[in-house]
């Protein structure tokens, strides 16, 4: 479903797939992930009951995407980009 970036947080919190402007969420067989601009840049990953957050920052836009998609009420564990890319959610 195509949505505005400002509405993405509700989809992320519910771990539902969405497509926004250069931002999207995908549900895999083992988890859920939110990406900025492509699969090469995961912002958040949900796996085994836990949220992981990309600690690497590159631009004002990706920082804005992070704040727009932060799961409501969730504590996150910071991981480097390399660590995030190693988390298999079954896509």
C-alpha atoms as a PDB file:
ATOM      1  CA  UNK A   1       0.000   0.000   0.000  1.00  0.00           C
ATOM      2  CA  UNK A   2       1.319   3.464  -0.947  1.00  0.00           C
ATOM      3  CA  UNK A   3       1.312   5.913   1.966  1.00  0.00           C
ATOM      4  CA  UNK A   4       2.844   9.229   2.995  1.00  0.00           C
ATOM      5  CA  UNK A   5       6.103   9.009   4.956  1.00  0.00           C
ATOM      6  CA  UNK A   6       4.479  10.731   7.935  1.00  0.00           C
ATOM      7  CA  UNK A   7       2.025   7.811   8.224  1.00  0.00           C
ATOM      8  CA  UNK A   8       4.697   5.088   8.148  1.00  0.00           C
ATOM      9  CA  UNK A   9       5.150   4.743  11.926  1.00  0.00           C
ATOM     10  CA  UNK A  10       1.768   3.031  12.371  1.00  0.00           C
ATOM     11  CA  UNK A  11       2.656   0.430   9.735  1.00  0.00           C
ATOM     12  CA  UNK A  12       6.079  -0.161  11.273  1.00  0.00           C
ATOM     13  CA  UNK A  13       4.668  -0.522  14.790  1.00  0.00           C
ATOM     14  CA  UNK A  14       2.146  -3.079  13.469  1.00  0.00           C
ATOM     15  CA  UNK A  15       4.896  -4.689  11.332  1.00  0.00           C
ATOM     16  CA  UNK A  16       2.782  -4.311   8.192  1.00  0.00           C
ATOM     17  CA  UNK A  17       4.192  -3.919   4.664  1.00  0.00           C
ATOM     18  CA  UNK A  18       4.011  -0.435   3.144  1.00  0.00           C
ATOM     19  CA  UNK A  19       5.476   1.695   0.366  1.00  0.00           C
ATOM     20  CA  UNK A  20       6.142   5.400   0.868  1.00  0.00           C
ATOM     21  CA  UNK A  21       8.447   7.973  -0.763  1.00  0.00           C
ATOM     22  CA  UNK A  22      11.918   6.291  -0.809  1.00  0.00           C
ATOM     23  CA  UNK A  23      10.884   4.330   2.270  1.00  0.00           C
ATOM     24  CA  UNK A  24       9.230   0.923   2.627  1.00  0.00           C
ATOM     25  CA  UNK A  25       8.554  -1.969   4.975  1.00  0.00           C
ATOM     26  CA  UNK A  26       8.709  -5.681   4.097  1.00  0.00           C
ATOM     27  CA  UNK A  27       7.538  -8.727   5.987  1.00  0.00           C
ATOM     28  CA  UNK A  28       9.659 -11.844   5.603  1.00  0.00           C
ATOM     29  CA  UNK A  29       9.127 -15.384   6.837  1.00  0.00           C
ATOM     30  CA  UNK A  30      11.346 -14.736   9.892  1.00  0.00           C
ATOM     31  CA  UNK A  31      10.907 -11.023  10.568  1.00  0.00           C
ATOM     32  CA  UNK A  32      10.147  -7.520   9.351  1.00  0.00           C
ATOM     33  CA  UNK A  33      12.361  -4.715   8.032  1.00  0.00           C
ATOM     34  CA  UNK A  34      12.082  -1.043   7.112  1.00  0.00           C
ATOM     35  CA  UNK A  35      14.360   0.254   4.358  1.00  0.00           C
ATOM     36  CA  UNK A  36      15.431   3.704   3.183  1.00  0.00           C
ATOM     37  CA  UNK A  37      16.042   3.882  -0.590  1.00  0.00           C
ATOM     38  CA  UNK A  38      16.612   0.123  -0.949  1.00  0.00           C
ATOM     39  CA  UNK A  39      17.552  -3.150   0.707  1.00  0.00           C
ATOM     40  CA  UNK A  40      21.112  -1.902   1.043  1.00  0.00           C
ATOM     41  CA  UNK A  41      20.024   0.456   3.868  1.00  0.00           C
ATOM     42  CA  UNK A  42      17.791  -1.113   6.534  1.00  0.00           C
ATOM     43  CA  UNK A  43      16.588   1.336   9.177  1.00  0.00           C
ATOM     44  CA  UNK A  44      14.809  -1.033  11.565  1.00  0.00           C
ATOM     45  CA  UNK A  45      14.548  -4.809  11.738  1.00  0.00           C
ATOM     46  CA  UNK A  46      12.229  -6.864  13.915  1.00  0.00           C
ATOM     47  CA  UNK A  47      13.417 -10.413  14.551  1.00  0.00           C
ATOM     48  CA  UNK A  48      12.713 -12.871  17.388  1.00  0.00           C
ATOM     49  CA  UNK A  49      10.675 -10.373  19.397  1.00  0.00           C
ATOM     50  CA  UNK A  50      13.288  -7.622  19.274  1.00  0.00           C
ATOM     51  CA  UNK A  51      13.765  -4.373  17.332  1.00  0.00           C
ATOM     52  CA  UNK A  52      17.168  -3.475  15.888  1.00  0.00           C
ATOM     53  CA  UNK A  53      18.081   0.028  14.713  1.00  0.00           C
ATOM     54  CA  UNK A  54      20.735   1.039  12.196  1.00  0.00           C
ATOM     55  CA  UNK A  55      23.311   3.105  14.105  1.00  0.00           C
ATOM     56  CA  UNK A  56      25.105   4.317  10.958  1.00  0.00           C
ATOM     57  CA  UNK A  57      23.949   7.708   9.675  1.00  0.00           C
ATOM     58  CA  UNK A  58      24.617   9.086   6.207  1.00  0.00           C
ATOM     59  CA  UNK A  59      22.291  11.957   5.448  1.00  0.00           C
ATOM     60  CA  UNK A  60      19.629  14.281   6.741  1.00  0.00           C
ATOM     61  CA  UNK A  61      17.070  12.271   4.745  1.00  0.00           C
ATOM     62  CA  UNK A  62      17.920   8.888   6.278  1.00  0.00           C
ATOM     63  CA  UNK A  63      17.896  10.487   9.740  1.00  0.00           C
ATOM     64  CA  UNK A  64      14.434  11.850   8.973  1.00  0.00           C
ATOM     65  CA  UNK A  65      13.319   8.400   7.759  1.00  0.00           C
ATOM     66  CA  UNK A  66      14.545   6.934  11.064  1.00  0.00           C
ATOM     67  CA  UNK A  67      12.465   9.373  13.091  1.00  0.00           C
ATOM     68  CA  UNK A  68       9.393   8.903  10.865  1.00  0.00           C
ATOM     69  CA  UNK A  69       9.485   5.120  11.229  1.00  0.00           C
ATOM     70  CA  UNK A  70      10.626   4.590  14.839  1.00  0.00           C
ATOM     71  CA  UNK A  71       8.317   1.874  16.248  1.00  0.00           C
ATOM     72  CA  UNK A  72       6.013   3.392  18.847  1.00  0.00           C
ATOM     73  CA  UNK A  73       6.956   2.424  22.398  1.00  0.00           C
ATOM     74  CA  UNK A  74       9.682   0.012  21.301  1.00  0.00           C
ATOM     75  CA  UNK A  75      13.181  -0.194  22.706  1.00  0.00           C
ATOM     76  CA  UNK A  76      15.761  -0.774  19.993  1.00  0.00           C
ATOM     77  CA  UNK A  77      19.221  -2.297  19.958  1.00  0.00           C
ATOM     78  CA  UNK A  78      21.725  -0.315  17.897  1.00  0.00           C
ATOM     79  CA  UNK A  79      23.652  -2.233  15.218  1.00  0.00           C
ATOM     80  CA  UNK A  80      26.075  -1.153  12.512  1.00  0.00           C
ATOM     81  CA  UNK A  81      24.966  -1.326   8.904  1.00  0.00           C
ATOM     82  CA  UNK A  82      27.046  -4.486   8.406  1.00  0.00           C
ATOM     83  CA  UNK A  83      25.388  -6.142  11.421  1.00  0.00           C
ATOM     84  CA  UNK A  84      21.939  -5.116  10.177  1.00  0.00           C
ATOM     85  CA  UNK A  85      22.608  -6.608   6.742  1.00  0.00           C
ATOM     86  CA  UNK A  86      23.547  -9.903   8.414  1.00  0.00           C
ATOM     87  CA  UNK A  87      20.138 -10.258  10.109  1.00  0.00           C
ATOM     88  CA  UNK A  88      18.069 -12.701   8.039  1.00  0.00           C
ATOM     89  CA  UNK A  89      14.341 -11.983   8.046  1.00  0.00           C
ATOM     90  CA  UNK A  90      13.546 -14.477   5.310  1.00  0.00           C
ATOM     91  CA  UNK A  91      12.969 -12.226   2.332  1.00  0.00           C
END
